[in-house]
C-alpha atoms as a PDB file:
ATOM      1  CA  MET A   1     -28.266  33.408  34.993  1.00  0.00           C
ATOM      2  CA  LYS A   2     -25.373  35.618  33.878  1.00  0.00           C
ATOM      3  CA  ARG A   3     -23.145  34.247  36.671  1.00  0.00           C
ATOM      4  CA  PHE A   4     -24.097  30.692  35.703  1.00  0.00           C
ATOM      5  CA  VAL A   5     -23.086  31.316  32.062  1.00  0.00           C
ATOM      6  CA  GLU A   6     -19.813  32.934  33.162  1.00  0.00           C
ATOM      7  CA  ALA A   7     -19.089  29.984  35.438  1.00  0.00           C
ATOM      8  CA  LEU A   8     -19.871  27.557  32.623  1.00  0.00           C
ATOM      9  CA  VAL A   9     -17.576  29.400  30.227  1.00  0.00           C
ATOM     10  CA  MET A  10     -14.822  29.476  32.844  1.00  0.00           C
ATOM     11  CA  THR A  11     -15.235  25.727  33.441  1.00  0.00           C
ATOM     12  CA  GLU A  12     -14.976  25.027  29.731  1.00  0.00           C
ATOM     13  CA  MET A  13     -11.846  27.205  29.465  1.00  0.00           C
ATOM     14  CA  VAL A  14     -10.228  25.345  32.353  1.00  0.00           C
ATOM     15  CA  ALA A  15     -11.116  22.036  30.711  1.00  0.00           C
ATOM     16  CA  VAL A  16      -9.546  23.179  27.447  1.00  0.00           C
ATOM     17  CA  VAL A  17      -6.373  24.331  29.228  1.00  0.00           C
ATOM     18  CA  VAL A  18      -6.109  21.008  31.109  1.00  0.00           C
ATOM     19  CA  ALA A  19      -6.669  19.044  27.903  1.00  0.00           C
ATOM     20  CA  MET A  20      -3.993  21.085  26.138  1.00  0.00           C
ATOM     21  CA  ALA A  21      -1.572  20.498  29.012  1.00  0.00           C
ATOM     22  CA  ILE A  22      -2.214  16.749  28.938  1.00  0.00           C
ATOM     23  CA  ALA A  23      -1.801  16.677  25.167  1.00  0.00           C
ATOM     24  CA  GLY A  24       1.422  18.644  25.489  1.00  0.00           C
ATOM     25  CA  ALA A  25       2.744  16.248  28.118  1.00  0.00           C
ATOM     26  CA  CYS A  26       1.892  13.265  25.935  1.00  0.00           C
ATOM     27  CA  ALA A  27       3.524  14.918  22.936  1.00  0.00           C
ATOM     28  CA  SER A  28       6.643  15.582  24.999  1.00  0.00           C
ATOM     29  CA  ALA A  29       6.737  11.954  26.138  1.00  0.00           C
ATOM     30  CA  ARG A  30       6.409  10.743  22.553  1.00  0.00           C
ATOM     31  CA  ALA A  31       9.054  13.212  21.437  1.00  0.00           C
ATOM     32  CA  ALA A  32      11.683  11.749  23.766  1.00  0.00           C
ATOM     33  CA  SER A  33      14.579  10.109  21.944  1.00  0.00           C
ATOM     34  CA  PRO A  34      16.942   7.374  23.155  1.00  0.00           C
ATOM     35  CA  VAL A  35      20.562   8.232  23.917  1.00  0.00           C
ATOM     36  CA  VAL A  36      23.441   5.721  23.750  1.00  0.00           C
ATOM     37  CA  ARG A  37      26.833   6.099  25.407  1.00  0.00           C
ATOM     38  CA  LEU A  38      29.548   3.525  24.684  1.00  0.00           C
ATOM     39  CA  ARG A  39      32.920   2.850  26.275  1.00  0.00           C
ATOM     40  CA  GLY A  40      35.379   0.140  25.333  1.00  0.00           C
ATOM     41  CA  ASP A  41      38.721  -1.049  26.699  1.00  0.00           C
ATOM     42  CA  ALA A  42      41.022  -3.665  25.193  1.00  0.00           C
ATOM     43  CA  HIS A  43      44.140  -5.422  26.489  1.00  0.00           C
ATOM     44  CA  LEU A  44      45.832  -7.427  23.775  1.00  0.00           C
ATOM     45  CA  THR A  45      47.398 -10.868  23.834  1.00  0.00           C
ATOM     46  CA  ARG A  46      50.910 -10.754  25.213  1.00  0.00           C
ATOM     47  CA  GLN A  47      53.626 -13.099  26.405  1.00  0.00           C
ATOM     48  CA  ASP A  48      54.617 -12.808  30.051  1.00  0.00           C
ATOM     49  CA  GLY A  49      56.593 -14.831  32.585  1.00  0.00           C
ATOM     50  CA  ALA A  50      53.649 -17.154  33.227  1.00  0.00           C
ATOM     51  CA  GLY A  51      52.939 -17.778  29.546  1.00  0.00           C
ATOM     52  CA  VAL A  52      50.345 -16.161  27.298  1.00  0.00           C
ATOM     53  CA  ALA A  53      48.034 -13.514  28.748  1.00  0.00           C
ATOM     54  CA  PRO A  54      44.837 -13.644  26.662  1.00  0.00           C
ATOM     55  CA  ALA A  55      43.262 -10.598  25.067  1.00  0.00           C
ATOM     56  CA  VAL A  56      40.529  -8.875  27.055  1.00  0.00           C
ATOM     57  CA  LEU A  57      37.707  -6.740  25.649  1.00  0.00           C
ATOM     58  CA  HIS A  58      35.482  -4.777  28.014  1.00  0.00           C
ATOM     59  CA  VAL A  59      32.411  -2.999  26.650  1.00  0.00           C
ATOM     60  CA  HIS A  60      30.025  -0.807  28.632  1.00  0.00           C
ATOM     61  CA  ALA A  61      26.864   0.662  27.122  1.00  0.00           C
ATOM     62  CA  HIS A  62      24.593   3.127  28.915  1.00  0.00           C
ATOM     63  CA  PHE A  63      21.088   3.850  27.616  1.00  0.00           C
ATOM     64  CA  SER A  64      18.925   6.852  28.536  1.00  0.00           C
ATOM     65  CA  THR A  65      16.789   9.517  26.827  1.00  0.00           C
ATOM     66  CA  ASP A  66      17.227  13.164  25.957  1.00  0.00           C
ATOM     67  CA  THR A  67      14.199  14.065  28.101  1.00  0.00           C
ATOM     68  CA  PRO A  68      14.669  14.143  31.902  1.00  0.00           C
ATOM     69  CA  GLY A  69      12.274  11.779  33.635  1.00  0.00           C
ATOM     70  CA  ALA A  70      11.289   9.921  30.456  1.00  0.00           C
ATOM     71  CA  GLU A  71      11.212   6.145  30.672  1.00  0.00           C
ATOM     72  CA  PRO A  72      13.905   4.177  28.833  1.00  0.00           C
ATOM     73  CA  PHE A  73      13.124   2.645  25.464  1.00  0.00           C
ATOM     74  CA  THR A  74      13.066  -1.095  24.801  1.00  0.00           C
ATOM     75  CA  ILE A  75      16.000  -2.356  22.726  1.00  0.00           C
ATOM     76  CA  ARG A  76      14.955  -4.551  19.815  1.00  0.00           C
ATOM     77  CA  LYS A  77      18.235  -4.980  17.963  1.00  0.00           C
ATOM     78  CA  ALA A  78      21.879  -3.956  18.129  1.00  0.00           C
ATOM     79  CA  VAL A  79      24.413  -4.393  15.344  1.00  0.00           C
ATOM     80  CA  VAL A  80      28.085  -3.681  16.057  1.00  0.00           C
ATOM     81  CA  TRP A  81      30.847  -3.497  13.441  1.00  0.00           C
ATOM     82  CA  PHE A  82      34.359  -4.051  14.819  1.00  0.00           C
ATOM     83  CA  PRO A  83      37.413  -2.377  13.262  1.00  0.00           C
ATOM     84  CA  ASP A  84      40.240  -4.102  11.431  1.00  0.00           C
ATOM     85  CA  HIS A  85      40.239  -7.760  10.458  1.00  0.00           C
ATOM     86  CA  ALA A  86      41.816  -9.541  13.411  1.00  0.00           C
ATOM     87  CA  GLY A  87      38.854 -11.863  13.992  1.00  0.00           C
ATOM     88  CA  THR A  88      38.625 -14.532  16.672  1.00  0.00           C
ATOM     89  CA  ASN A  89      39.963 -18.010  17.330  1.00  0.00           C
ATOM     90  CA  GLY A  90      36.452 -19.295  17.923  1.00  0.00           C
ATOM     91  CA  ALA A  91      37.007 -22.262  15.602  1.00  0.00           C
ATOM     92  CA  LEU A  92      39.521 -23.602  18.162  1.00  0.00           C
ATOM     93  CA  PHE A  93      37.152 -23.245  21.134  1.00  0.00           C
ATOM     94  CA  PRO A  94      34.401 -25.645  22.234  1.00  0.00           C
ATOM     95  CA  SER A  95      30.915 -24.393  21.391  1.00  0.00           C
ATOM     96  CA  CYS A  96      27.785 -24.091  23.500  1.00  0.00           C
ATOM     97  CA  SER A  97      24.557 -23.242  21.694  1.00  0.00           C
ATOM     98  CA  ALA A  98      21.439 -21.589  23.081  1.00  0.00           C
ATOM     99  CA  ARG A  99      19.591 -24.788  22.198  1.00  0.00           C
ATOM    100  CA  ARG A 100      21.917 -26.834  24.410  1.00  0.00           C
ATOM    101  CA  ILE A 101      21.414 -24.507  27.392  1.00  0.00           C
ATOM    102  CA  LYS A 102      17.645 -24.627  26.940  1.00  0.00           C
ATOM    103  CA  HIS A 103      17.809 -28.428  26.729  1.00  0.00           C
ATOM    104  CA  PHE A 104      19.417 -28.441  30.173  1.00  0.00           C
ATOM    105  CA  HIS A 105      16.775 -26.020  31.523  1.00  0.00           C
ATOM    106  CA  GLY A 106      19.072 -23.014  31.651  1.00  0.00           C
ATOM    107  CA  ASN A 107      21.925 -24.747  33.464  1.00  0.00           C
ATOM    108  CA  VAL A 108      24.969 -23.057  31.906  1.00  0.00           C
ATOM    109  CA  ARG A 109      27.259 -25.412  33.822  1.00  0.00           C
ATOM    110  CA  ARG A 110      26.329 -28.073  31.291  1.00  0.00           C
ATOM    111  CA  CYS A 111      28.190 -26.168  28.595  1.00  0.00           C
ATOM    112  CA  PRO A 112      31.492 -27.761  27.523  1.00  0.00           C
ATOM    113  CA  LYS A 113      34.531 -26.730  29.525  1.00  0.00           C
ATOM    114  CA  GLY A 114      36.344 -23.871  27.842  1.00  0.00           C
ATOM    115  CA  SER A 115      33.341 -22.671  25.832  1.00  0.00           C
ATOM    116  CA  GLN A 116      32.668 -19.681  28.104  1.00  0.00           C
ATOM    117  CA  ILE A 117      34.300 -16.557  26.685  1.00  0.00           C
ATOM    118  CA  GLY A 118      32.898 -13.787  28.878  1.00  0.00           C
ATOM    119  CA  SER A 119      30.527 -12.533  31.547  1.00  0.00           C
ATOM    120  CA  GLY A 120      28.923  -9.333  32.753  1.00  0.00           C
ATOM    121  CA  THR A 121      25.771  -7.641  33.964  1.00  0.00           C
ATOM    122  CA  VAL A 122      22.696  -5.949  32.550  1.00  0.00           C
ATOM    123  CA  LYS A 123      20.607  -3.381  34.423  1.00  0.00           C
ATOM    124  CA  ALA A 124      17.046  -2.958  33.199  1.00  0.00           C
ATOM    125  CA  LYS A 125      13.714  -1.512  34.303  1.00  0.00           C
ATOM    126  CA  ALA A 126      10.300  -3.135  34.122  1.00  0.00           C
ATOM    127  CA  ILE A 127       8.704   0.136  33.067  1.00  0.00           C
ATOM    128  CA  GLN A 128       5.047  -0.438  33.951  1.00  0.00           C
ATOM    129  CA  LEU A 129       6.031  -1.948  37.331  1.00  0.00           C
ATOM    130  CA  GLY A 130       8.583   0.731  38.166  1.00  0.00           C
ATOM    131  CA  VAL A 131      11.086  -1.935  39.225  1.00  0.00           C
ATOM    132  CA  THR A 132      14.787  -1.875  38.276  1.00  0.00           C
ATOM    133  CA  ALA A 133      16.891  -5.015  38.566  1.00  0.00           C
ATOM    134  CA  THR A 134      20.356  -6.250  37.620  1.00  0.00           C
ATOM    135  CA  GLY A 135      20.832  -9.547  35.797  1.00  0.00           C
ATOM    136  CA  HIS A 136      23.868 -11.692  35.070  1.00  0.00           C
ATOM    137  CA  ILE A 137      25.167 -12.303  31.534  1.00  0.00           C
ATOM    138  CA  THR A 138      27.292 -15.269  30.487  1.00  0.00           C
ATOM    139  CA  ALA A 139      28.778 -15.419  26.982  1.00  0.00           C
ATOM    140  CA  PHE A 140      29.797 -18.615  25.172  1.00  0.00           C
ATOM    141  CA  ASN A 141      31.494 -19.398  21.898  1.00  0.00           C
ATOM    142  CA  SER A 142      28.975 -20.888  19.466  1.00  0.00           C
ATOM    143  CA  ARG A 143      28.870 -22.383  15.958  1.00  0.00           C
ATOM    144  CA  ARG A 144      32.654 -22.810  16.019  1.00  0.00           C
ATOM    145  CA  GLY A 145      33.221 -19.067  16.205  1.00  0.00           C
ATOM    146  CA  ARG A 146      30.412 -17.969  13.890  1.00  0.00           C
ATOM    147  CA  ALA A 147      28.178 -16.804  16.767  1.00  0.00           C
ATOM    148  CA  ILE A 148      28.126 -15.900  20.440  1.00  0.00           C
ATOM    149  CA  THR A 149      25.560 -17.402  22.809  1.00  0.00           C
ATOM    150  CA  LEU A 150      24.300 -15.014  25.475  1.00  0.00           C
ATOM    151  CA  ASN A 151      22.565 -16.279  28.612  1.00  0.00           C
ATOM    152  CA  VAL A 152      20.696 -13.723  30.749  1.00  0.00           C
ATOM    153  CA  GLN A 153      19.545 -14.575  34.273  1.00  0.00           C
ATOM    154  CA  THR A 154      17.704 -12.452  36.814  1.00  0.00           C
ATOM    155  CA  TYR A 155      15.284 -13.092  39.677  1.00  0.00           C
ATOM    156  CA  LEU A 156      13.484  -9.737  40.027  1.00  0.00           C
ATOM    157  CA  PRO A 157      10.878  -8.572  39.099  1.00  0.00           C
ATOM    158  CA  ALA A 158      10.467 -12.036  37.562  1.00  0.00           C
ATOM    159  CA  TYR A 159      12.663 -15.100  37.171  1.00  0.00           C
ATOM    160  CA  ILE A 160      14.321 -14.985  33.768  1.00  0.00           C
ATOM    161  CA  ASN A 161      16.728 -17.505  32.297  1.00  0.00           C
ATOM    162  CA  GLU A 162      16.931 -16.807  28.581  1.00  0.00           C
ATOM    163  CA  SER A 163      19.556 -17.893  26.060  1.00  0.00           C
ATOM    164  CA  PHE A 164      19.901 -16.677  22.495  1.00  0.00           C
ATOM    165  CA  GLU A 165      22.562 -16.512  19.818  1.00  0.00           C
ATOM    166  CA  ALA A 166      24.158 -13.471  18.209  1.00  0.00           C
ATOM    167  CA  PRO A 167      25.692 -14.220  14.785  1.00  0.00           C
ATOM    168  CA  LEU A 168      29.303 -13.079  14.317  1.00  0.00           C
ATOM    169  CA  GLU A 169      30.114 -12.476  10.671  1.00  0.00           C
ATOM    170  CA  LEU A 170      33.547 -12.006   9.105  1.00  0.00           C
ATOM    171  CA  LEU A 171      33.511  -9.177   6.591  1.00  0.00           C
ATOM    172  CA  HIS A 172      35.468  -8.844   3.371  1.00  0.00           C
ATOM    173  CA  GLY A 173      36.185  -5.735   1.364  1.00  0.00           C
ATOM    174  CA  SER A 174      35.024  -3.487   4.213  1.00  0.00           C
ATOM    175  CA  ARG A 175      36.626  -1.034   6.595  1.00  0.00           C
ATOM    176  CA  TYR A 176      35.339  -3.297   9.371  1.00  0.00           C
ATOM    177  CA  GLY A 177      36.479  -6.802  10.188  1.00  0.00           C
ATOM    178  CA  GLU A 178      33.520  -8.403  11.973  1.00  0.00           C
ATOM    179  CA  LYS A 179      29.827  -7.727  12.487  1.00  0.00           C
ATOM    180  CA  LEU A 180      27.925  -8.876  15.583  1.00  0.00           C
ATOM    181  CA  THR A 181      24.119  -8.869  15.407  1.00  0.00           C
ATOM    182  CA  ILE A 182      22.173  -9.031  18.675  1.00  0.00           C
ATOM    183  CA  GLU A 183      18.413  -9.397  18.330  1.00  0.00           C
ATOM    184  CA  ASP A 184      16.701  -9.100  21.688  1.00  0.00           C
ATOM    185  CA  PRO A 185      14.211 -11.996  21.998  1.00  0.00           C
ATOM    186  CA  PRO A 186      10.561 -11.042  22.685  1.00  0.00           C
ATOM    187  CA  SER A 187      10.779 -12.551  26.187  1.00  0.00           C
ATOM    188  CA  LEU A 188      13.453  -9.966  27.082  1.00  0.00           C
ATOM    189  CA  GLN A 189      11.512  -7.084  25.551  1.00  0.00           C
ATOM    190  CA  GLN A 190       8.247  -7.751  27.360  1.00  0.00           C
ATOM    191  CA  ILE A 191       8.518 -10.005  30.409  1.00  0.00           C
ATOM    192  CA  LEU A 192       4.781  -9.950  31.200  1.00  0.00           C
ATOM    193  CA  ASP A 193       1.808  -8.955  29.080  1.00  0.00           C
ATOM    194  CA  GLY A 194       2.001  -5.170  28.816  1.00  0.00           C
ATOM    195  CA  VAL A 195       5.179  -4.906  30.906  1.00  0.00           C
ATOM    196  CA  TRP A 196       8.035  -3.612  28.734  1.00  0.00           C
ATOM    197  CA  ILE A 197      11.723  -3.746  29.610  1.00  0.00           C
ATOM    198  CA  GLY A 198      14.031  -0.773  29.184  1.00  0.00           C
ATOM    199  CA  VAL A 199      17.748  -1.576  29.395  1.00  0.00           C
ATOM    200  CA  GLU A 200      19.775   1.068  31.218  1.00  0.00           C
ATOM    201  CA  ASP A 201      23.251  -0.521  31.385  1.00  0.00           C
ATOM    202  CA  PHE A 202      24.997  -3.378  29.600  1.00  0.00           C
ATOM    203  CA  ASP A 203      28.460  -4.370  30.803  1.00  0.00           C
ATOM    204  CA  LEU A 204      30.354  -7.300  29.283  1.00  0.00           C
ATOM    205  CA  THR A 205      33.955  -8.504  29.495  1.00  0.00           C
ATOM    206  CA  VAL A 206      35.131 -10.942  26.817  1.00  0.00           C
ATOM    207  CA  ILE A 207      38.132 -13.070  27.740  1.00  0.00           C
ATOM    208  CA  GLY A 208      39.120 -16.614  27.044  1.00  0.00           C
ATOM    209  CA  ALA A 209      41.970 -18.866  26.091  1.00  0.00           C
ATOM    210  CA  VAL A 210      42.306 -22.445  24.919  1.00  0.00           C
ATOM    211  CA  ARG A 211      45.318 -24.721  24.615  1.00  0.00           C
ATOM    212  CA  ARG A 212      45.811 -26.696  21.420  1.00  0.00           C
ATOM    213  CA  HIS A 213      48.843 -28.913  20.697  1.00  0.00           C
ATOM    214  CA  GLY A 214      50.883 -27.199  23.390  1.00  0.00           C
ATOM    215  CA  VAL A 215      50.021 -23.681  22.190  1.00  0.00           C
ATOM    216  CA  THR A 216      47.714 -21.250  24.039  1.00  0.00           C
ATOM    217  CA  TYR A 217      45.305 -19.272  21.873  1.00  0.00           C
ATOM    218  CA  SER A 218      43.303 -16.246  22.986  1.00  0.00           C
ATOM    219  CA  TYR A 219      39.670 -16.033  21.877  1.00  0.00           C
ATOM    220  CA  MET A 220      40.427 -12.720  20.193  1.00  0.00           C
ATOM    221  CA  LYS A 221      43.262 -12.754  17.650  1.00  0.00           C
ATOM    222  CA  ALA A 222      44.172  -9.071  17.861  1.00  0.00           C
ATOM    223  CA  ARG A 223      47.853  -8.415  18.533  1.00  0.00           C
ATOM    224  CA  THR A 224      47.853  -4.745  17.589  1.00  0.00           C
ATOM    225  CA  CYS A 225      45.493  -1.969  18.643  1.00  0.00           C
ATOM    226  CA  PRO A 226      42.732  -1.214  16.123  1.00  0.00           C
ATOM    227  CA  ARG A 227      43.206   1.783  13.859  1.00  0.00           C
ATOM    228  CA  GLY A 228      39.544   2.710  13.680  1.00  0.00           C
ATOM    229  CA  ALA A 229      36.460   2.853  15.882  1.00  0.00           C
ATOM    230  CA  ALA A 230      33.705   0.292  16.348  1.00  0.00           C
ATOM    231  CA  HIS A 231      30.357   1.327  14.900  1.00  0.00           C
ATOM    232  CA  GLY A 232      26.996   0.476  16.456  1.00  0.00           C
ATOM    233  CA  VAL A 233      23.399   0.792  15.252  1.00  0.00           C
ATOM    234  CA  PHE A 234      20.653   0.377  17.866  1.00  0.00           C
ATOM    235  CA  ASP A 235      16.929  -0.058  17.167  1.00  0.00           C
ATOM    236  CA  PHE A 236      14.492   0.948  19.920  1.00  0.00           C
ATOM    237  CA  LEU A 237      10.760   0.685  20.618  1.00  0.00           C
ATOM    238  CA  ASP A 238       8.388   2.477  22.992  1.00  0.00           C
ATOM    239  CA  GLY A 239       6.016  -0.379  23.765  1.00  0.00           C
ATOM    240  CA  GLU A 240       3.197   1.867  24.978  1.00  0.00           C
ATOM    241  CA  THR A 241       3.116   4.341  22.084  1.00  0.00           C
ATOM    242  CA  GLY A 242       4.630   2.193  19.341  1.00  0.00           C
ATOM    243  CA  GLN A 243       7.248   4.878  18.684  1.00  0.00           C
ATOM    244  CA  THR A 244      10.435   3.507  17.107  1.00  0.00           C
ATOM    245  CA  ALA A 245      13.882   5.071  16.943  1.00  0.00           C
ATOM    246  CA  THR A 246      17.348   4.241  15.632  1.00  0.00           C
ATOM    247  CA  VAL A 247      20.604   5.513  17.117  1.00  0.00           C
ATOM    248  CA  THR A 248      24.052   5.182  15.551  1.00  0.00           C
ATOM    249  CA  LYS A 249      27.127   5.519  17.711  1.00  0.00           C
ATOM    250  CA  ASP A 250      30.866   5.045  17.267  1.00  0.00           C
ATOM    251  CA  MET A 251      33.153   3.686  19.977  1.00  0.00           C
ATOM    252  CA  ARG A 252      36.924   4.085  19.924  1.00  0.00           C
ATOM    253  CA  LEU A 253      38.630   1.483  22.094  1.00  0.00           C
ATOM    254  CA  ARG A 254      41.093   2.531  24.740  1.00  0.00           C
ATOM    255  CA  CYS A 255      43.719  -0.075  23.931  1.00  0.00           C
ATOM    256  CA  THR A 256      46.741  -1.427  25.755  1.00  0.00           C
ATOM    257  CA  PRO A 257      49.141  -3.359  23.490  1.00  0.00           C
END
């Protein structure tokens, strides 16, 4: 009887230790925080032997966590403030709205010629499936320069062809010139019921030029390198636990006049 009691006590102690370990692991998972790394490069509009070389802006964002092995968070919203007040020449470019692309069933080739202003890639993980895939991003001028349309296409782990608009707002009386607001649509946060998407890399190059009345205009107006840094605020969600987090990050552009 004594040995039975001792065995029972030992079993209960082991159960308590296991439960504490599981609780600790869960607490550690919930305690993970998202980490954002940003890099930007800019080449400004310049006159060369072949004419006008348009401005180029390349932005790369890498998303991870501060806990090794933790799954990436789902991005809900990103707001980026750009330095100075150079603005864009979007009012001179043709526009292509998300609504138009959806009307043509995701066929971005039906956008007006000259409306595309950039392209890139996005690498993301379907967390519950354990599958990582890379999609293609195409950016278009929209609302006559007051927004950017982003089209995201990928084939794995599911076919996705989603278009949405990111408002681009000119600022006044601020240290920043423009504000871009990107709200990730629900279909890009959760591709299947219970399957959340964690973005790991976002890489976009913005370039474009249009000719009006014999003059070539770059999409971006900037002719001098910015004096300050861009400022980003990113809102994240852990779909399984409901944990939310916000990360702020500055990005100083490496600029070539």
